[in-house]
Amino acid sequence: MIFKVEPYKATLDAIERRLTEVGKESNMHNVMKKAINEAADAGKELIYTETKGSYTIRGRAFKKSDIVKKATSSKNPGATLTVRGEPIGVREGYQSRKNGKRKGASVQVLKNSAMKEIKLVSGGRAYKAFLATMKSGHIEIFQRKPDEYMDKYKTIAGKSKGREAIKEIVSLSKAKAAEMAYEKRGVYTKLQEEVISRMLKHMNAVIGGME
């Protein structure tokens, strides 16, 4: 997911007019560049904080360093913040609980939701999720796949029998979690406020002879 950090055109026009009034319009590019890059740095912190505030995503699965900033330049007038990542295993990435004698493994993705048992009902049978360790040492929560069987249990005639295949249970990628937090928690508006504040700061510094 890529987030743009750039000011409204009305903000740019207002700052440029003010600098022109005092004969310092040549400083406009530097004012904009400093403001946008500073706002992008603040935005990186904001996106991380809001995502962690919305989801139970673990620190080992989502770090601040996973949000990469590309600074503004003459060719790219707006900075960007990029979050990449594939869907994450629920045990690795989110709050979860292993299976017990009666209940399957459970997961809590949203902080304001309850722990929910992972269960699929197919053909009148309930497929409960369970904690397992693979031969590779990978530990995760898995679930049997209805009517799909492991190759070694298939007969020569092509009929399947024996143990059903399993799949790893995954949830939101860190990129998707960040995108949803961005939309739900008004991060775009907060970033715009940050850009405006930084532009005014640097404009006033130029007018006052501090930059």
C-alpha atoms as a PDB file:
ATOM      1  CA  MET A   1       0.000   0.000   0.000  1.00  0.00           C
ATOM      2  CA  ILE A   2       1.323   3.445  -0.949  1.00  0.00           C
ATOM      3  CA  PHE A   3       0.247   6.580   0.904  1.00  0.00           C
ATOM      4  CA  LYS A   4       0.843  10.004  -0.671  1.00  0.00           C
ATOM      5  CA  VAL A   5       1.931  12.929   1.475  1.00  0.00           C
ATOM      6  CA  GLU A   6       1.275  16.178  -0.366  1.00  0.00           C
ATOM      7  CA  PRO A   7      -0.495  19.473   0.369  1.00  0.00           C
ATOM      8  CA  TYR A   8      -3.777  20.678  -1.038  1.00  0.00           C
ATOM      9  CA  LYS A   9      -3.342  23.024  -3.983  1.00  0.00           C
ATOM     10  CA  ALA A  10      -5.154  25.746  -2.025  1.00  0.00           C
ATOM     11  CA  THR A  11      -2.504  25.465   0.704  1.00  0.00           C
ATOM     12  CA  LEU A  12       0.325  25.746  -1.823  1.00  0.00           C
ATOM     13  CA  ASP A  13      -1.295  28.761  -3.471  1.00  0.00           C
ATOM     14  CA  ALA A  14      -1.809  30.534  -0.145  1.00  0.00           C
ATOM     15  CA  ILE A  15       1.805  29.978   0.972  1.00  0.00           C
ATOM     16  CA  GLU A  16       3.153  31.069  -2.402  1.00  0.00           C
ATOM     17  CA  ARG A  17       1.071  34.260  -2.356  1.00  0.00           C
ATOM     18  CA  ARG A  18       2.356  35.158   1.094  1.00  0.00           C
ATOM     19  CA  LEU A  19       5.983  34.576   0.139  1.00  0.00           C
ATOM     20  CA  THR A  20       5.487  36.625  -3.033  1.00  0.00           C
ATOM     21  CA  GLU A  21       4.072  39.505  -0.973  1.00  0.00           C
ATOM     22  CA  VAL A  22       7.324  39.723   0.986  1.00  0.00           C
ATOM     23  CA  GLY A  23       9.558  39.149  -2.038  1.00  0.00           C
ATOM     24  CA  LYS A  24      10.670  35.665  -1.031  1.00  0.00           C
ATOM     25  CA  GLU A  25       8.858  33.550  -3.596  1.00  0.00           C
ATOM     26  CA  SER A  26      12.177  31.897  -4.545  1.00  0.00           C
ATOM     27  CA  ASN A  27      12.042  30.070  -1.194  1.00  0.00           C
ATOM     28  CA  MET A  28       8.795  28.340  -2.056  1.00  0.00           C
ATOM     29  CA  HIS A  29      10.402  25.076  -3.208  1.00  0.00           C
ATOM     30  CA  ASN A  30      12.492  24.712  -0.062  1.00  0.00           C
ATOM     31  CA  VAL A  31       9.518  25.500   2.171  1.00  0.00           C
ATOM     32  CA  MET A  32       7.446  22.849   0.426  1.00  0.00           C
ATOM     33  CA  LYS A  33      10.252  20.270   0.391  1.00  0.00           C
ATOM     34  CA  LYS A  34      11.068  20.609   4.096  1.00  0.00           C
ATOM     35  CA  ALA A  35       7.416  20.633   5.122  1.00  0.00           C
ATOM     36  CA  ILE A  36       6.448  17.561   3.111  1.00  0.00           C
ATOM     37  CA  ASN A  37       9.450  15.505   4.211  1.00  0.00           C
ATOM     38  CA  GLU A  38       8.868  16.394   7.866  1.00  0.00           C
ATOM     39  CA  ALA A  39       5.168  15.579   7.519  1.00  0.00           C
ATOM     40  CA  ALA A  40       6.071  12.239   5.920  1.00  0.00           C
ATOM     41  CA  ASP A  41       8.293  11.406   8.903  1.00  0.00           C
ATOM     42  CA  ALA A  42       5.414  12.252  11.230  1.00  0.00           C
ATOM     43  CA  GLY A  43       3.058  10.289   8.976  1.00  0.00           C
ATOM     44  CA  LYS A  44       5.207   7.186   9.266  1.00  0.00           C
ATOM     45  CA  GLU A  45       4.848   7.315  13.033  1.00  0.00           C
ATOM     46  CA  LEU A  46       1.123   8.084  12.737  1.00  0.00           C
ATOM     47  CA  ILE A  47       0.337   5.171  10.405  1.00  0.00           C
ATOM     48  CA  TYR A  48       2.260   2.767  12.610  1.00  0.00           C
ATOM     49  CA  THR A  49       0.575   3.997  15.791  1.00  0.00           C
ATOM     50  CA  GLU A  50      -2.934   3.971  14.330  1.00  0.00           C
ATOM     51  CA  THR A  51      -2.474   0.483  12.866  1.00  0.00           C
ATOM     52  CA  LYS A  52      -1.218  -0.872  16.182  1.00  0.00           C
ATOM     53  CA  GLY A  53      -4.102   0.909  17.877  1.00  0.00           C
ATOM     54  CA  SER A  54      -6.689  -0.800  15.658  1.00  0.00           C
ATOM     55  CA  TYR A  55      -5.294  -4.315  15.346  1.00  0.00           C
ATOM     56  CA  THR A  56      -3.620  -6.835  17.625  1.00  0.00           C
ATOM     57  CA  ILE A  57      -0.804  -7.157  15.086  1.00  0.00           C
ATOM     58  CA  ARG A  58       2.403  -8.168  16.836  1.00  0.00           C
ATOM     59  CA  GLY A  59       5.575  -6.126  16.884  1.00  0.00           C
ATOM     60  CA  ARG A  60       7.564  -8.965  15.331  1.00  0.00           C
ATOM     61  CA  ALA A  61       5.178  -8.990  12.356  1.00  0.00           C
ATOM     62  CA  PHE A  62       4.918  -5.219  11.859  1.00  0.00           C
ATOM     63  CA  LYS A  63       7.806  -2.855  12.579  1.00  0.00           C
ATOM     64  CA  LYS A  64       8.183   0.861  11.908  1.00  0.00           C
ATOM     65  CA  SER A  65      10.925  -0.044   9.452  1.00  0.00           C
ATOM     66  CA  ASP A  66       8.264  -1.802   7.345  1.00  0.00           C
ATOM     67  CA  ILE A  67       6.972   1.663   6.416  1.00  0.00           C
ATOM     68  CA  VAL A  68       9.385   3.039   3.822  1.00  0.00           C
ATOM     69  CA  LYS A  69       9.518   6.753   3.040  1.00  0.00           C
ATOM     70  CA  LYS A  70      10.419   8.137  -0.373  1.00  0.00           C
ATOM     71  CA  ALA A  71      11.235  11.806   0.108  1.00  0.00           C
ATOM     72  CA  THR A  72       9.890  14.567  -2.096  1.00  0.00           C
ATOM     73  CA  SER A  73      12.084  15.854  -4.915  1.00  0.00           C
ATOM     74  CA  SER A  74      11.889  18.163  -7.922  1.00  0.00           C
ATOM     75  CA  LYS A  75      10.688  15.218 -10.038  1.00  0.00           C
ATOM     76  CA  ASN A  76       8.300  13.874  -7.372  1.00  0.00           C
ATOM     77  CA  PRO A  77       6.703  16.830  -5.547  1.00  0.00           C
ATOM     78  CA  GLY A  78       4.956  14.622  -2.985  1.00  0.00           C
ATOM     79  CA  ALA A  79       6.542  12.165  -0.558  1.00  0.00           C
ATOM     80  CA  THR A  80       5.264   8.602  -0.346  1.00  0.00           C
ATOM     81  CA  LEU A  81       5.008   6.063   2.461  1.00  0.00           C
ATOM     82  CA  THR A  82       4.941   2.435   1.352  1.00  0.00           C
ATOM     83  CA  VAL A  83       3.907  -0.609   3.378  1.00  0.00           C
ATOM     84  CA  ARG A  84       4.416  -4.009   1.777  1.00  0.00           C
ATOM     85  CA  GLY A  85       3.746  -7.520   2.986  1.00  0.00           C
ATOM     86  CA  GLU A  86       1.939 -10.766   2.305  1.00  0.00           C
ATOM     87  CA  PRO A  87      -0.919 -12.083   4.477  1.00  0.00           C
ATOM     88  CA  ILE A  88       0.383 -13.082   7.898  1.00  0.00           C
ATOM     89  CA  GLY A  89      -0.167 -16.349   9.755  1.00  0.00           C
ATOM     90  CA  VAL A  90      -2.562 -15.674  12.619  1.00  0.00           C
ATOM     91  CA  ARG A  91      -0.225 -17.042  15.292  1.00  0.00           C
ATOM     92  CA  GLU A  92       2.776 -15.160  13.944  1.00  0.00           C
ATOM     93  CA  GLY A  93       0.986 -11.873  13.423  1.00  0.00           C
ATOM     94  CA  TYR A  94      -2.034 -11.544  15.703  1.00  0.00           C
ATOM     95  CA  GLN A  95      -3.350 -12.406  19.145  1.00  0.00           C
ATOM     96  CA  SER A  96      -4.350 -16.057  19.086  1.00  0.00           C
ATOM     97  CA  ARG A  97      -5.037 -19.029  21.332  1.00  0.00           C
ATOM     98  CA  LYS A  98      -4.217 -22.649  20.567  1.00  0.00           C
ATOM     99  CA  ASN A  99      -6.878 -25.334  20.348  1.00  0.00           C
ATOM    100  CA  GLY A 100      -8.173 -27.118  23.410  1.00  0.00           C
ATOM    101  CA  LYS A 101     -10.091 -30.344  24.000  1.00  0.00           C
ATOM    102  CA  ARG A 102     -13.411 -28.878  22.908  1.00  0.00           C
ATOM    103  CA  LYS A 103     -12.632 -25.715  20.989  1.00  0.00           C
ATOM    104  CA  GLY A 104     -10.445 -25.087  17.994  1.00  0.00           C
ATOM    105  CA  ALA A 105      -7.741 -22.455  17.893  1.00  0.00           C
ATOM    106  CA  SER A 106      -8.996 -18.874  18.168  1.00  0.00           C
ATOM    107  CA  VAL A 107      -7.843 -15.487  16.916  1.00  0.00           C
ATOM    108  CA  GLN A 108      -8.481 -11.830  17.716  1.00  0.00           C
ATOM    109  CA  VAL A 109      -7.540  -9.477  14.876  1.00  0.00           C
ATOM    110  CA  LEU A 110      -9.314  -6.243  15.819  1.00  0.00           C
ATOM    111  CA  LYS A 111      -8.559  -4.881  19.279  1.00  0.00           C
ATOM    112  CA  ASN A 112     -12.201  -4.004  19.902  1.00  0.00           C
ATOM    113  CA  SER A 113     -13.436  -7.499  19.026  1.00  0.00           C
ATOM    114  CA  ALA A 114     -13.517 -10.747  20.968  1.00  0.00           C
ATOM    115  CA  MET A 115     -11.349 -13.830  20.517  1.00  0.00           C
ATOM    116  CA  LYS A 116     -13.112 -15.957  17.876  1.00  0.00           C
ATOM    117  CA  GLU A 117     -12.813 -19.676  17.301  1.00  0.00           C
ATOM    118  CA  ILE A 118     -11.620 -20.594  13.803  1.00  0.00           C
ATOM    119  CA  LYS A 119     -14.063 -23.195  12.521  1.00  0.00           C
ATOM    120  CA  LEU A 120     -15.357 -24.243   9.121  1.00  0.00           C
ATOM    121  CA  VAL A 121     -18.473 -26.387   8.700  1.00  0.00           C
ATOM    122  CA  SER A 122     -18.647 -28.440   5.519  1.00  0.00           C
ATOM    123  CA  GLY A 123     -20.749 -31.510   4.717  1.00  0.00           C
ATOM    124  CA  GLY A 124     -22.128 -31.545   8.212  1.00  0.00           C
ATOM    125  CA  ARG A 125     -18.658 -31.751   9.708  1.00  0.00           C
ATOM    126  CA  ALA A 126     -16.876 -29.053  11.723  1.00  0.00           C
ATOM    127  CA  TYR A 127     -13.246 -28.430  10.814  1.00  0.00           C
ATOM    128  CA  LYS A 128     -11.561 -26.792  13.785  1.00  0.00           C
ATOM    129  CA  ALA A 129      -8.245 -25.019  13.531  1.00  0.00           C
ATOM    130  CA  PHE A 130      -5.286 -26.394  15.472  1.00  0.00           C
ATOM    131  CA  LEU A 131      -1.738 -25.535  16.410  1.00  0.00           C
ATOM    132  CA  ALA A 132       0.912 -27.646  14.687  1.00  0.00           C
ATOM    133  CA  THR A 133       4.650 -27.747  14.053  1.00  0.00           C
ATOM    134  CA  MET A 134       5.880 -28.501  10.539  1.00  0.00           C
ATOM    135  CA  LYS A 135       8.991 -30.586   9.794  1.00  0.00           C
ATOM    136  CA  SER A 136      10.755 -27.303   9.010  1.00  0.00           C
ATOM    137  CA  GLY A 137      10.133 -26.181  12.586  1.00  0.00           C
ATOM    138  CA  HIS A 138       7.508 -23.637  11.493  1.00  0.00           C
ATOM    139  CA  ILE A 139       4.785 -23.357  14.154  1.00  0.00           C
ATOM    140  CA  GLU A 140       1.401 -22.011  13.093  1.00  0.00           C
ATOM    141  CA  ILE A 141      -2.327 -22.539  13.247  1.00  0.00           C
ATOM    142  CA  PHE A 142      -3.711 -24.830  10.543  1.00  0.00           C
ATOM    143  CA  GLN A 143      -7.021 -26.317   9.454  1.00  0.00           C
ATOM    144  CA  ARG A 144      -8.021 -29.407   7.492  1.00  0.00           C
ATOM    145  CA  LYS A 145      -9.292 -28.804   3.933  1.00  0.00           C
ATOM    146  CA  PRO A 146     -12.625 -30.516   3.208  1.00  0.00           C
ATOM    147  CA  ASP A 147     -12.409 -33.153   0.438  1.00  0.00           C
ATOM    148  CA  GLU A 148      -8.725 -32.472  -0.285  1.00  0.00           C
ATOM    149  CA  TYR A 149      -6.251 -35.165   0.663  1.00  0.00           C
ATOM    150  CA  MET A 150      -2.518 -35.474   1.040  1.00  0.00           C
ATOM    151  CA  ASP A 151      -0.858 -37.021  -2.032  1.00  0.00           C
ATOM    152  CA  LYS A 152       0.546 -39.986  -0.163  1.00  0.00           C
ATOM    153  CA  TYR A 153      -2.966 -41.055   0.825  1.00  0.00           C
ATOM    154  CA  LYS A 154      -4.340 -41.152  -2.731  1.00  0.00           C
ATOM    155  CA  THR A 155      -4.936 -44.533  -4.358  1.00  0.00           C
ATOM    156  CA  ILE A 156      -3.690 -45.495  -7.814  1.00  0.00           C
ATOM    157  CA  ALA A 157      -7.246 -45.241  -9.095  1.00  0.00           C
ATOM    158  CA  GLY A 158      -7.272 -41.593  -8.124  1.00  0.00           C
ATOM    159  CA  LYS A 159      -9.686 -41.984  -5.257  1.00  0.00           C
ATOM    160  CA  SER A 160      -8.708 -40.098  -2.145  1.00  0.00           C
ATOM    161  CA  LYS A 161      -8.704 -41.561   1.320  1.00  0.00           C
ATOM    162  CA  GLY A 162      -6.932 -41.135   4.599  1.00  0.00           C
ATOM    163  CA  ARG A 163      -5.849 -37.810   6.083  1.00  0.00           C
ATOM    164  CA  GLU A 164      -7.111 -34.598   4.572  1.00  0.00           C
ATOM    165  CA  ALA A 165      -4.692 -31.885   3.485  1.00  0.00           C
ATOM    166  CA  ILE A 166      -4.130 -28.877   5.700  1.00  0.00           C
ATOM    167  CA  LYS A 167      -3.805 -25.151   5.116  1.00  0.00           C
ATOM    168  CA  GLU A 168      -2.208 -22.436   7.194  1.00  0.00           C
ATOM    169  CA  ILE A 169      -4.661 -19.879   8.579  1.00  0.00           C
ATOM    170  CA  VAL A 170      -3.657 -16.355   7.595  1.00  0.00           C
ATOM    171  CA  SER A 171      -5.132 -12.938   8.245  1.00  0.00           C
ATOM    172  CA  LEU A 172      -4.558  -9.365   7.069  1.00  0.00           C
ATOM    173  CA  SER A 173      -1.171  -8.440   5.679  1.00  0.00           C
ATOM    174  CA  LYS A 174       0.508  -5.495   7.408  1.00  0.00           C
ATOM    175  CA  ALA A 175      -0.103  -3.454   4.251  1.00  0.00           C
ATOM    176  CA  LYS A 176      -3.846  -4.167   4.344  1.00  0.00           C
ATOM    177  CA  ALA A 177      -4.054  -3.547   8.080  1.00  0.00           C
ATOM    178  CA  ALA A 178      -2.310  -0.181   7.604  1.00  0.00           C
ATOM    179  CA  GLU A 179      -4.635   0.713   4.719  1.00  0.00           C
ATOM    180  CA  MET A 180      -7.760  -0.043   6.733  1.00  0.00           C
ATOM    181  CA  ALA A 181      -6.485   1.873   9.764  1.00  0.00           C
ATOM    182  CA  TYR A 182      -5.611   4.795   7.451  1.00  0.00           C
ATOM    183  CA  GLU A 183      -9.176   4.913   6.143  1.00  0.00           C
ATOM    184  CA  LYS A 184     -11.043   4.273   9.397  1.00  0.00           C
ATOM    185  CA  ARG A 185      -9.044   6.508  11.733  1.00  0.00           C
ATOM    186  CA  GLY A 186      -8.905   9.653   9.590  1.00  0.00           C
ATOM    187  CA  VAL A 187      -5.160   9.482   8.949  1.00  0.00           C
ATOM    188  CA  TYR A 188      -5.444  11.357   5.638  1.00  0.00           C
ATOM    189  CA  THR A 189      -6.928  14.388   7.395  1.00  0.00           C
ATOM    190  CA  LYS A 190      -4.298  14.227  10.138  1.00  0.00           C
ATOM    191  CA  LEU A 191      -1.532  14.127   7.524  1.00  0.00           C
ATOM    192  CA  GLN A 192      -2.971  17.179   5.774  1.00  0.00           C
ATOM    193  CA  GLU A 193      -3.037  19.046   9.065  1.00  0.00           C
ATOM    194  CA  GLU A 194       0.591  18.058   9.602  1.00  0.00           C
ATOM    195  CA  VAL A 195       1.606  19.309   6.134  1.00  0.00           C
ATOM    196  CA  ILE A 196      -0.160  22.651   6.661  1.00  0.00           C
ATOM    197  CA  SER A 197       1.431  23.103  10.086  1.00  0.00           C
ATOM    198  CA  ARG A 198       4.920  22.368   8.737  1.00  0.00           C
ATOM    199  CA  MET A 199       4.485  24.666   5.733  1.00  0.00           C
ATOM    200  CA  LEU A 200       3.383  27.552   7.931  1.00  0.00           C
ATOM    201  CA  LYS A 201       6.338  26.920  10.234  1.00  0.00           C
ATOM    202  CA  HIS A 202       8.883  27.081   7.412  1.00  0.00           C
ATOM    203  CA  MET A 203       7.122  29.991   5.685  1.00  0.00           C
ATOM    204  CA  ASN A 204       7.287  32.037   8.891  1.00  0.00           C
ATOM    205  CA  ALA A 205      10.927  31.069   9.365  1.00  0.00           C
ATOM    206  CA  VAL A 206      11.732  32.361   5.859  1.00  0.00           C
ATOM    207  CA  ILE A 207       9.818  35.607   6.433  1.00  0.00           C
ATOM    208  CA  GLY A 208      11.572  36.075   9.766  1.00  0.00           C
ATOM    209  CA  GLY A 209      14.986  35.492   8.194  1.00  0.00           C
ATOM    210  CA  MET A 210      15.575  32.245  10.086  1.00  0.00           C
ATOM    211  CA  GLU A 211      15.866  30.128   6.922  1.00  0.00           C
END
